[in-house]
Amino acid sequence: MKKEDCIFCKIANGEIPSKTLYEDEEFRVILDLNPATKGHALILPKNHADDLYELSDGQASKIMLLAKKMARQMTENLHCIGMNLVQNNGEAAGQTVRHFHLHLIPRYENDGQQLGWKPCEATQEELEMVRKQIVQ
């Protein structure tokens, strides 16, 4: 179902023009208007889901298969040497549009981009406490 005020719903459903790389009955893949690198694309479901937690298992599976297909096509045709898949959930994680989307970011040598986090140290005891919290 489409959410009336969602810009990504409008783009995914063709109401707002985009540079479309792929489309089927469930998804549209578009070039990002503010790309991190050449070929930076977004996979958008046509049905609205705010984030990963609202996707059905079926949609989540299909998105990863589509990401694999698009990453392969982009790698072959753009001659990139790597690919980041980035998906943010919630404001604290950097999500700025409340419509699930998966970034496909082709990587090139010396492309100037840095994606990642600062690794911290954890003791075996701390890791075990966290493991127990997650699997309770």
Protein backbone atom coordinates (compact mmCIF):
# COMPACT_ATOMS: atom_id res chain seq x y z
CA MET A 1 0.00 0.00 0.00
CA LYS A 2 1.23 3.48 -0.88
CA LYS A 3 1.52 6.21 1.76
CA GLU A 4 0.08 9.44 0.29
CA ASP A 5 2.67 11.90 1.66
CA CYS A 6 5.76 9.72 1.12
CA ILE A 7 8.14 11.00 -1.55
CA PHE A 8 9.70 7.55 -2.05
CA CYS A 9 6.25 6.02 -2.60
CA LYS A 10 5.66 8.63 -5.29
CA ILE A 11 9.03 7.93 -6.93
CA ALA A 12 8.66 4.14 -6.65
CA ASN A 13 5.21 4.27 -8.23
CA GLY A 14 6.25 6.56 -11.10
CA GLU A 15 4.44 9.73 -9.96
CA ILE A 16 7.76 11.59 -9.71
CA PRO A 17 10.28 11.05 -12.52
CA SER A 18 13.53 9.25 -11.72
CA LYS A 19 16.50 7.76 -13.48
CA THR A 20 15.22 4.19 -13.29
CA LEU A 21 17.65 1.30 -13.62
CA TYR A 22 15.13 -1.48 -13.00
CA GLU A 23 11.42 -1.87 -12.34
CA ASP A 24 9.02 -4.72 -11.71
CA GLU A 25 5.63 -5.00 -9.99
CA GLU A 26 7.17 -4.72 -6.49
CA PHE A 27 10.32 -2.58 -6.77
CA ARG A 28 11.97 0.30 -8.58
CA VAL A 29 15.74 0.84 -8.59
CA ILE A 30 16.78 4.43 -9.20
CA LEU A 31 19.96 6.48 -9.32
CA ASP A 32 20.43 8.56 -6.17
CA LEU A 33 20.08 12.31 -6.84
CA ASN A 34 23.02 13.01 -4.50
CA PRO A 35 25.34 10.10 -5.24
CA ALA A 36 28.21 9.10 -2.99
CA THR A 37 29.93 7.62 -6.07
CA LYS A 38 29.20 7.09 -9.76
CA GLY A 39 26.24 4.70 -10.04
CA HIS A 40 24.95 5.09 -6.44
CA ALA A 41 21.45 3.62 -6.59
CA LEU A 42 18.47 2.99 -4.31
CA ILE A 43 16.17 -0.02 -4.22
CA LEU A 44 12.66 1.18 -3.35
CA PRO A 45 9.72 -1.12 -2.62
CA LYS A 46 6.51 0.14 -4.25
CA ASN A 47 4.53 -0.77 -1.14
CA HIS A 48 5.29 1.49 1.80
CA ALA A 49 7.25 0.16 4.77
CA ASP A 50 8.84 2.68 7.13
CA ASP A 51 11.90 0.51 7.71
CA LEU A 52 13.31 -3.00 7.78
CA TYR A 53 11.06 -3.98 10.68
CA GLU A 54 7.92 -3.36 8.61
CA LEU A 55 9.02 -5.38 5.56
CA SER A 56 7.50 -8.80 5.07
CA ASP A 57 9.94 -11.71 5.05
CA GLY A 58 9.11 -12.21 1.39
CA GLN A 59 9.94 -8.61 0.50
CA ALA A 60 13.17 -8.72 2.49
CA SER A 61 14.26 -11.87 0.63
CA LYS A 62 13.41 -10.41 -2.76
CA ILE A 63 15.28 -7.19 -2.00
CA MET A 64 18.50 -9.08 -1.31
CA LEU A 65 18.14 -11.08 -4.51
CA LEU A 66 17.51 -7.87 -6.45
CA ALA A 67 20.51 -6.21 -4.74
CA LYS A 68 22.71 -9.11 -5.84
CA LYS A 69 21.45 -8.86 -9.42
CA MET A 70 21.91 -5.08 -9.58
CA ALA A 71 25.33 -5.18 -7.88
CA ARG A 72 26.55 -7.70 -10.43
CA GLN A 73 25.20 -5.62 -13.34
CA MET A 74 26.68 -2.40 -11.93
CA THR A 75 30.06 -4.02 -11.26
CA GLU A 76 30.26 -5.40 -14.81
CA ASN A 77 29.12 -2.20 -16.53
CA LEU A 78 30.70 0.47 -14.33
CA HIS A 79 33.91 -1.46 -13.65
CA CYS A 80 33.80 -0.68 -9.94
CA ILE A 81 36.04 -2.71 -7.65
CA GLY A 82 33.67 -3.05 -4.70
CA MET A 83 30.11 -2.43 -3.56
CA ASN A 84 28.61 -1.20 -0.29
CA LEU A 85 25.05 -2.12 0.60
CA VAL A 86 23.79 0.40 3.16
CA GLN A 87 20.43 0.31 4.87
CA ASN A 88 19.57 2.63 7.78
CA ASN A 89 16.70 2.15 10.24
CA GLY A 90 15.69 5.07 12.43
CA GLU A 91 17.02 8.57 12.84
CA ALA A 92 19.85 7.46 15.15
CA ALA A 93 21.08 5.18 12.35
CA GLY A 94 20.99 7.95 9.74
CA GLN A 95 17.61 7.24 8.11
CA THR A 96 16.32 10.52 6.68
CA VAL A 97 13.35 9.25 4.62
CA ARG A 98 10.85 7.02 6.44
CA HIS A 99 10.44 4.57 3.55
CA PHE A 100 12.62 1.46 3.47
CA HIS A 101 15.39 1.78 0.90
CA LEU A 102 18.64 -0.02 0.27
CA HIS A 103 21.63 1.92 -1.06
CA LEU A 104 23.90 0.26 -3.62
CA ILE A 105 27.14 2.24 -3.62
CA PRO A 106 29.74 1.21 -6.19
CA ARG A 107 33.28 1.66 -4.91
CA TYR A 108 36.29 2.75 -6.88
CA GLU A 109 39.94 3.12 -5.94
CA ASN A 110 40.52 6.51 -4.28
CA ASP A 111 36.83 7.47 -4.56
CA GLY A 112 37.10 9.63 -1.45
CA GLN A 113 34.27 7.92 0.41
CA GLN A 114 34.53 6.49 3.89
CA LEU A 115 31.80 4.26 5.25
CA GLY A 116 32.14 2.59 8.58
CA TRP A 117 32.39 2.97 12.32
CA LYS A 118 34.97 3.24 15.05
CA PRO A 119 35.58 -0.24 16.46
CA CYS A 120 35.50 -0.50 20.25
CA GLU A 121 36.96 -3.17 22.46
CA ALA A 122 34.84 -5.61 24.42
CA THR A 123 35.81 -8.31 26.87
CA GLN A 124 34.61 -11.87 26.48
CA GLU A 125 32.38 -11.28 29.52
CA GLU A 126 30.80 -8.17 27.95
CA LEU A 127 30.22 -10.03 24.70
CA GLU A 128 28.57 -12.90 26.59
CA MET A 129 26.28 -10.49 28.46
CA VAL A 130 25.18 -8.91 25.18
CA ARG A 131 24.72 -12.33 23.55
CA LYS A 132 22.41 -13.37 26.41
CA GLN A 133 20.40 -10.13 26.08
CA ILE A 134 19.85 -10.73 22.38
CA VAL A 135 18.93 -14.43 22.49
CA GLN A 136 16.81 -14.46 25.69
